[in-house]
Amino acid sequence: MTGVDILQKSDQDRFLLSRYGVLYYWRRVPKALAEIDGRAPIIRHSLKTDDLAKARAQRDVLEKADNQL
């Protein structure tokens, strides 16, 4: 067991990764944008919570900002 779980049960858990109980926003940067996004190739951001509802809300904010970028 690695302690890492990608939550793929449904679309509502998209871009969420659980590491040892802490939830992360985890997303690949498209190749076309990799040169202008310093976080490439993968965005990893700790949501500093183990509460799935809070993580989903924080993920929605980060996802919206990344989509606008």
PDB file of N, CA and C in Angstrom:
ATOM      1  N   MET A   1       0.841  -1.187   0.000  1.00  0.00           N
ATOM      2  CA  MET A   1       0.000   0.000   0.000  1.00  0.00           C
ATOM      3  C   MET A   1       0.882   1.244   0.000  1.00  0.00           C
ATOM      4  N   THR A   2       0.614   2.157  -0.910  1.00  0.00           N
ATOM      5  CA  THR A   2       1.460   3.334  -1.055  1.00  0.00           C
ATOM      6  C   THR A   2       0.956   4.542  -0.277  1.00  0.00           C
ATOM      7  N   GLY A   3      -0.289   4.526   0.127  1.00  0.00           N
ATOM      8  CA  GLY A   3      -0.845   5.676   0.824  1.00  0.00           C
ATOM      9  C   GLY A   3      -1.384   6.731  -0.116  1.00  0.00           C
ATOM     10  N   VAL A   4      -1.383   6.453  -1.430  1.00  0.00           N
ATOM     11  CA  VAL A   4      -1.855   7.404  -2.431  1.00  0.00           C
ATOM     12  C   VAL A   4      -3.065   6.810  -3.141  1.00  0.00           C
ATOM     13  N   ASP A   5      -4.149   7.556  -3.170  1.00  0.00           N
ATOM     14  CA  ASP A   5      -5.356   7.124  -3.858  1.00  0.00           C
ATOM     15  C   ASP A   5      -5.869   8.257  -4.720  1.00  0.00           C
ATOM     16  N   ILE A   6      -6.056   7.985  -6.000  1.00  0.00           N
ATOM     17  CA  ILE A   6      -6.694   8.959  -6.872  1.00  0.00           C
ATOM     18  C   ILE A   6      -8.185   8.673  -6.820  1.00  0.00           C
ATOM     19  N   LEU A   7      -8.947   9.658  -6.423  1.00  0.00           N
ATOM     20  CA  LEU A   7     -10.386   9.476  -6.279  1.00  0.00           C
ATOM     21  C   LEU A   7     -11.039   9.577  -7.649  1.00  0.00           C
ATOM     22  N   GLN A   8     -11.444   8.434  -8.209  1.00  0.00           N
ATOM     23  CA  GLN A   8     -12.047   8.421  -9.535  1.00  0.00           C
ATOM     24  C   GLN A   8     -13.417   7.768  -9.517  1.00  0.00           C
ATOM     25  N   LYS A   9     -14.061   7.775  -8.389  1.00  0.00           N
ATOM     26  CA  LYS A   9     -15.358   7.133  -8.274  1.00  0.00           C
ATOM     27  C   LYS A   9     -16.409   7.852  -9.109  1.00  0.00           C
ATOM     28  N   SER A  10     -16.256   9.142  -9.253  1.00  0.00           N
ATOM     29  CA  SER A  10     -17.215   9.913 -10.022  1.00  0.00           C
ATOM     30  C   SER A  10     -16.571  11.223 -10.470  1.00  0.00           C
ATOM     31  N   ASP A  11     -17.281  11.916 -11.351  1.00  0.00           N
ATOM     32  CA  ASP A  11     -16.781  13.193 -11.843  1.00  0.00           C
ATOM     33  C   ASP A  11     -16.698  14.237 -10.735  1.00  0.00           C
ATOM     34  N   GLN A  12     -17.479  14.071  -9.680  1.00  0.00           N
ATOM     35  CA  GLN A  12     -17.449  15.052  -8.594  1.00  0.00           C
ATOM     36  C   GLN A  12     -16.126  15.014  -7.845  1.00  0.00           C
ATOM     37  N   ASP A  13     -15.339  13.964  -8.026  1.00  0.00           N
ATOM     38  CA  ASP A  13     -14.038  13.857  -7.374  1.00  0.00           C
ATOM     39  C   ASP A  13     -12.882  14.062  -8.351  1.00  0.00           C
ATOM     40  N   ARG A  14     -13.166  14.658  -9.513  1.00  0.00           N
ATOM     41  CA  ARG A  14     -12.123  14.885 -10.505  1.00  0.00           C
ATOM     42  C   ARG A  14     -11.019  15.766  -9.909  1.00  0.00           C
ATOM     43  N   PHE A  15      -9.805  15.482 -10.303  1.00  0.00           N
ATOM     44  CA  PHE A  15      -8.611  16.240  -9.902  1.00  0.00           C
ATOM     45  C   PHE A  15      -8.294  16.142  -8.406  1.00  0.00           C
ATOM     46  N   LEU A  16      -8.889  15.189  -7.697  1.00  0.00           N
ATOM     47  CA  LEU A  16      -8.579  15.026  -6.282  1.00  0.00           C
ATOM     48  C   LEU A  16      -7.723  13.783  -6.072  1.00  0.00           C
ATOM     49  N   LEU A  17      -6.737  13.930  -5.226  1.00  0.00           N
ATOM     50  CA  LEU A  17      -5.815  12.854  -4.889  1.00  0.00           C
ATOM     51  C   LEU A  17      -5.694  12.811  -3.375  1.00  0.00           C
ATOM     52  N   SER A  18      -5.750  11.620  -2.814  1.00  0.00           N
ATOM     53  CA  SER A  18      -5.607  11.466  -1.370  1.00  0.00           C
ATOM     54  C   SER A  18      -4.243  10.849  -1.078  1.00  0.00           C
ATOM     55  N   ARG A  19      -3.466  11.543  -0.255  1.00  0.00           N
ATOM     56  CA  ARG A  19      -2.160  11.029   0.186  1.00  0.00           C
ATOM     57  C   ARG A  19      -2.163  10.979   1.698  1.00  0.00           C
ATOM     58  N   TYR A  20      -2.158   9.766   2.219  1.00  0.00           N
ATOM     59  CA  TYR A  20      -2.140   9.559   3.663  1.00  0.00           C
ATOM     60  C   TYR A  20      -3.231  10.362   4.372  1.00  0.00           C
ATOM     61  N   GLY A  21      -4.405  10.427   3.741  1.00  0.00           N
ATOM     62  CA  GLY A  21      -5.551  11.091   4.350  1.00  0.00           C
ATOM     63  C   GLY A  21      -5.701  12.565   4.025  1.00  0.00           C
ATOM     64  N   VAL A  22      -4.677  13.189   3.445  1.00  0.00           N
ATOM     65  CA  VAL A  22      -4.737  14.603   3.071  1.00  0.00           C
ATOM     66  C   VAL A  22      -5.107  14.688   1.593  1.00  0.00           C
ATOM     67  N   LEU A  23      -6.048  15.553   1.273  1.00  0.00           N
ATOM     68  CA  LEU A  23      -6.502  15.677  -0.114  1.00  0.00           C
ATOM     69  C   LEU A  23      -5.714  16.751  -0.855  1.00  0.00           C
ATOM     70  N   TYR A  24      -5.427  16.456  -2.120  1.00  0.00           N
ATOM     71  CA  TYR A  24      -4.659  17.334  -2.993  1.00  0.00           C
ATOM     72  C   TYR A  24      -5.442  17.607  -4.263  1.00  0.00           C
ATOM     73  N   TYR A  25      -5.234  18.784  -4.824  1.00  0.00           N
ATOM     74  CA  TYR A  25      -5.686  19.118  -6.178  1.00  0.00           C
ATOM     75  C   TYR A  25      -4.560  18.666  -7.083  1.00  0.00           C
ATOM     76  N   TRP A  26      -4.851  17.783  -8.016  1.00  0.00           N
ATOM     77  CA  TRP A  26      -3.837  17.174  -8.866  1.00  0.00           C
ATOM     78  C   TRP A  26      -4.341  17.190 -10.295  1.00  0.00           C
ATOM     79  N   ARG A  27      -3.569  17.807 -11.196  1.00  0.00           N
ATOM     80  CA  ARG A  27      -4.034  17.969 -12.576  1.00  0.00           C
ATOM     81  C   ARG A  27      -2.842  18.121 -13.511  1.00  0.00           C
ATOM     82  N   ARG A  28      -2.941  17.517 -14.669  1.00  0.00           N
ATOM     83  CA  ARG A  28      -1.900  17.662 -15.685  1.00  0.00           C
ATOM     84  C   ARG A  28      -2.068  18.993 -16.421  1.00  0.00           C
ATOM     85  N   VAL A  29      -0.946  19.581 -16.789  1.00  0.00           N
ATOM     86  CA  VAL A  29      -0.955  20.797 -17.600  1.00  0.00           C
ATOM     87  C   VAL A  29      -0.921  20.353 -19.065  1.00  0.00           C
ATOM     88  N   PRO A  30      -1.806  20.866 -19.916  1.00  0.00           N
ATOM     89  CA  PRO A  30      -1.782  20.497 -21.333  1.00  0.00           C
ATOM     90  C   PRO A  30      -0.420  20.830 -21.956  1.00  0.00           C
ATOM     91  N   LYS A  31       0.043  19.963 -22.847  1.00  0.00           N
ATOM     92  CA  LYS A  31       1.353  20.162 -23.474  1.00  0.00           C
ATOM     93  C   LYS A  31       1.459  21.516 -24.159  1.00  0.00           C
ATOM     94  N   ALA A  32       0.366  21.979 -24.740  1.00  0.00           N
ATOM     95  CA  ALA A  32       0.377  23.260 -25.449  1.00  0.00           C
ATOM     96  C   ALA A  32       0.639  24.434 -24.502  1.00  0.00           C
ATOM     97  N   LEU A  33       0.356  24.255 -23.211  1.00  0.00           N
ATOM     98  CA  LEU A  33       0.538  25.324 -22.240  1.00  0.00           C
ATOM     99  C   LEU A  33       1.736  25.113 -21.324  1.00  0.00           C
ATOM    100  N   ALA A  34       2.414  23.995 -21.475  1.00  0.00           N
ATOM    101  CA  ALA A  34       3.509  23.642 -20.559  1.00  0.00           C
ATOM    102  C   ALA A  34       4.620  24.685 -20.540  1.00  0.00           C
ATOM    103  N   GLU A  35       4.897  25.316 -21.664  1.00  0.00           N
ATOM    104  CA  GLU A  35       5.987  26.296 -21.728  1.00  0.00           C
ATOM    105  C   GLU A  35       5.656  27.588 -20.978  1.00  0.00           C
ATOM    106  N   ILE A  36       4.378  27.913 -20.852  1.00  0.00           N
ATOM    107  CA  ILE A  36       4.020  29.166 -20.182  1.00  0.00           C
ATOM    108  C   ILE A  36       3.535  28.955 -18.745  1.00  0.00           C
ATOM    109  N   ASP A  37       3.336  27.693 -18.358  1.00  0.00           N
ATOM    110  CA  ASP A  37       2.891  27.387 -16.995  1.00  0.00           C
ATOM    111  C   ASP A  37       4.029  26.713 -16.246  1.00  0.00           C
ATOM    112  N   GLY A  38       4.612  27.420 -15.303  1.00  0.00           N
ATOM    113  CA  GLY A  38       5.760  26.924 -14.558  1.00  0.00           C
ATOM    114  C   GLY A  38       5.465  25.717 -13.684  1.00  0.00           C
ATOM    115  N   ARG A  39       4.201  25.366 -13.522  1.00  0.00           N
ATOM    116  CA  ARG A  39       3.843  24.211 -12.702  1.00  0.00           C
ATOM    117  C   ARG A  39       3.864  22.910 -13.494  1.00  0.00           C
ATOM    118  N   ALA A  40       4.075  22.994 -14.809  1.00  0.00           N
ATOM    119  CA  ALA A  40       4.031  21.829 -15.692  1.00  0.00           C
ATOM    120  C   ALA A  40       5.093  20.816 -15.286  1.00  0.00           C
ATOM    121  N   PRO A  41       4.907  19.550 -15.529  1.00  0.00           N
ATOM    122  CA  PRO A  41       3.785  18.932 -16.255  1.00  0.00           C
ATOM    123  C   PRO A  41       2.573  18.616 -15.382  1.00  0.00           C
ATOM    124  N   ILE A  42       2.727  18.662 -14.056  1.00  0.00           N
ATOM    125  CA  ILE A  42       1.601  18.326 -13.183  1.00  0.00           C
ATOM    126  C   ILE A  42       1.441  19.387 -12.096  1.00  0.00           C
ATOM    127  N   ILE A  43       0.215  19.834 -11.913  1.00  0.00           N
ATOM    128  CA  ILE A  43      -0.119  20.754 -10.826  1.00  0.00           C
ATOM    129  C   ILE A  43      -0.451  19.903  -9.613  1.00  0.00           C
ATOM    130  N   ARG A  44       0.224  20.152  -8.514  1.00  0.00           N
ATOM    131  CA  ARG A  44      -0.073  19.470  -7.246  1.00  0.00           C
ATOM    132  C   ARG A  44      -0.192  20.541  -6.175  1.00  0.00           C
ATOM    133  N   HIS A  45      -1.331  20.568  -5.528  1.00  0.00           N
ATOM    134  CA  HIS A  45      -1.560  21.594  -4.513  1.00  0.00           C
ATOM    135  C   HIS A  45      -2.291  20.956  -3.334  1.00  0.00           C
ATOM    136  N   SER A  46      -1.687  21.003  -2.151  1.00  0.00           N
ATOM    137  CA  SER A  46      -2.332  20.447  -0.967  1.00  0.00           C
ATOM    138  C   SER A  46      -3.528  21.296  -0.594  1.00  0.00           C
ATOM    139  N   LEU A  47      -4.651  20.641  -0.357  1.00  0.00           N
ATOM    140  CA  LEU A  47      -5.851  21.331   0.089  1.00  0.00           C
ATOM    141  C   LEU A  47      -5.905  21.390   1.612  1.00  0.00           C
ATOM    142  N   LYS A  48      -4.942  20.765   2.257  1.00  0.00           N
ATOM    143  CA  LYS A  48      -4.758  20.804   3.713  1.00  0.00           C
ATOM    144  C   LYS A  48      -6.029  20.430   4.480  1.00  0.00           C
ATOM    145  N   THR A  49      -6.717  19.419   3.964  1.00  0.00           N
ATOM    146  CA  THR A  49      -7.916  18.930   4.624  1.00  0.00           C
ATOM    147  C   THR A  49      -8.101  17.461   4.314  1.00  0.00           C
ATOM    148  N   ASP A  50      -8.830  16.785   5.186  1.00  0.00           N
ATOM    149  CA  ASP A  50      -9.234  15.412   4.910  1.00  0.00           C
ATOM    150  C   ASP A  50     -10.747  15.342   4.691  1.00  0.00           C
ATOM    151  N   ASP A  51     -11.389  16.501   4.710  1.00  0.00           N
ATOM    152  CA  ASP A  51     -12.831  16.609   4.513  1.00  0.00           C
ATOM    153  C   ASP A  51     -13.125  16.715   3.018  1.00  0.00           C
ATOM    154  N   LEU A  52     -13.804  15.713   2.477  1.00  0.00           N
ATOM    155  CA  LEU A  52     -14.056  15.664   1.037  1.00  0.00           C
ATOM    156  C   LEU A  52     -14.914  16.829   0.548  1.00  0.00           C
ATOM    157  N   ALA A  53     -15.888  17.249   1.323  1.00  0.00           N
ATOM    158  CA  ALA A  53     -16.744  18.373   0.912  1.00  0.00           C
ATOM    159  C   ALA A  53     -15.939  19.665   0.821  1.00  0.00           C
ATOM    160  N   LYS A  54     -15.073  19.918   1.807  1.00  0.00           N
ATOM    161  CA  LYS A  54     -14.218  21.113   1.765  1.00  0.00           C
ATOM    162  C   LYS A  54     -13.249  21.031   0.599  1.00  0.00           C
ATOM    163  N   ALA A  55     -12.693  19.853   0.361  1.00  0.00           N
ATOM    164  CA  ALA A  55     -11.743  19.665  -0.735  1.00  0.00           C
ATOM    165  C   ALA A  55     -12.416  19.925  -2.084  1.00  0.00           C
ATOM    166  N   ARG A  56     -13.633  19.444  -2.247  1.00  0.00           N
ATOM    167  CA  ARG A  56     -14.353  19.671  -3.506  1.00  0.00           C
ATOM    168  C   ARG A  56     -14.582  21.162  -3.737  1.00  0.00           C
ATOM    169  N   ALA A  57     -14.931  21.897  -2.692  1.00  0.00           N
ATOM    170  CA  ALA A  57     -15.163  23.339  -2.819  1.00  0.00           C
ATOM    171  C   ALA A  57     -13.869  24.061  -3.189  1.00  0.00           C
ATOM    172  N   GLN A  58     -12.770  23.710  -2.540  1.00  0.00           N
ATOM    173  CA  GLN A  58     -11.475  24.329  -2.846  1.00  0.00           C
ATOM    174  C   GLN A  58     -11.027  23.949  -4.253  1.00  0.00           C
ATOM    175  N   ARG A  59     -11.252  22.690  -4.631  1.00  0.00           N
ATOM    176  CA  ARG A  59     -10.905  22.228  -5.977  1.00  0.00           C
ATOM    177  C   ARG A  59     -11.658  23.019  -7.038  1.00  0.00           C
ATOM    178  N   ASP A  60     -12.937  23.290  -6.798  1.00  0.00           N
ATOM    179  CA  ASP A  60     -13.740  24.035  -7.769  1.00  0.00           C
ATOM    180  C   ASP A  60     -13.158  25.420  -8.020  1.00  0.00           C
ATOM    181  N   VAL A  61     -12.692  26.078  -6.970  1.00  0.00           N
ATOM    182  CA  VAL A  61     -12.086  27.407  -7.108  1.00  0.00           C
ATOM    183  C   VAL A  61     -10.787  27.306  -7.921  1.00  0.00           C
ATOM    184  N   LEU A  62      -9.941  26.339  -7.582  1.00  0.00           N
ATOM    185  CA  LEU A  62      -8.669  26.181  -8.300  1.00  0.00           C
ATOM    186  C   LEU A  62      -8.895  25.761  -9.754  1.00  0.00           C
ATOM    187  N   GLU A  63      -9.858  24.871  -9.969  1.00  0.00           N
ATOM    188  CA  GLU A  63     -10.162  24.413 -11.327  1.00  0.00           C
ATOM    189  C   GLU A  63     -10.654  25.568 -12.197  1.00  0.00           C
ATOM    190  N   LYS A  64     -11.518  26.407 -11.646  1.00  0.00           N
ATOM    191  CA  LYS A  64     -12.030  27.554 -12.401  1.00  0.00           C
ATOM    192  C   LYS A  64     -10.893  28.505 -12.781  1.00  0.00           C
ATOM    193  N   ALA A  65      -9.987  28.765 -11.842  1.00  0.00           N
ATOM    194  CA  ALA A  65      -8.854  29.650 -12.124  1.00  0.00           C
ATOM    195  C   ALA A  65      -7.941  29.049 -13.194  1.00  0.00           C
ATOM    196  N   ASP A  66      -7.679  27.754 -13.113  1.00  0.00           N
ATOM    197  CA  ASP A  66      -6.831  27.118 -14.121  1.00  0.00           C
ATOM    198  C   ASP A  66      -7.495  27.109 -15.480  1.00  0.00           C
ATOM    199  N   ASN A  67      -8.793  26.884 -15.526  1.00  0.00           N
ATOM    200  CA  ASN A  67      -9.506  26.895 -16.813  1.00  0.00           C
ATOM    201  C   ASN A  67      -9.477  28.281 -17.448  1.00  0.00           C
ATOM    202  N   GLN A  68      -9.544  29.329 -16.636  1.00  0.00           N
ATOM    203  CA  GLN A  68      -9.484  30.690 -17.165  1.00  0.00           C
ATOM    204  C   GLN A  68      -8.085  31.021 -17.667  1.00  0.00           C
ATOM    205  N   LEU A  69      -7.066  30.443 -17.012  1.00  0.00           N
ATOM    206  CA  LEU A  69      -5.688  30.666 -17.440  1.00  0.00           C
ATOM    207  C   LEU A  69      -5.481  30.095 -18.820  1.00  0.00           C
TER     208      LEU A  69
END
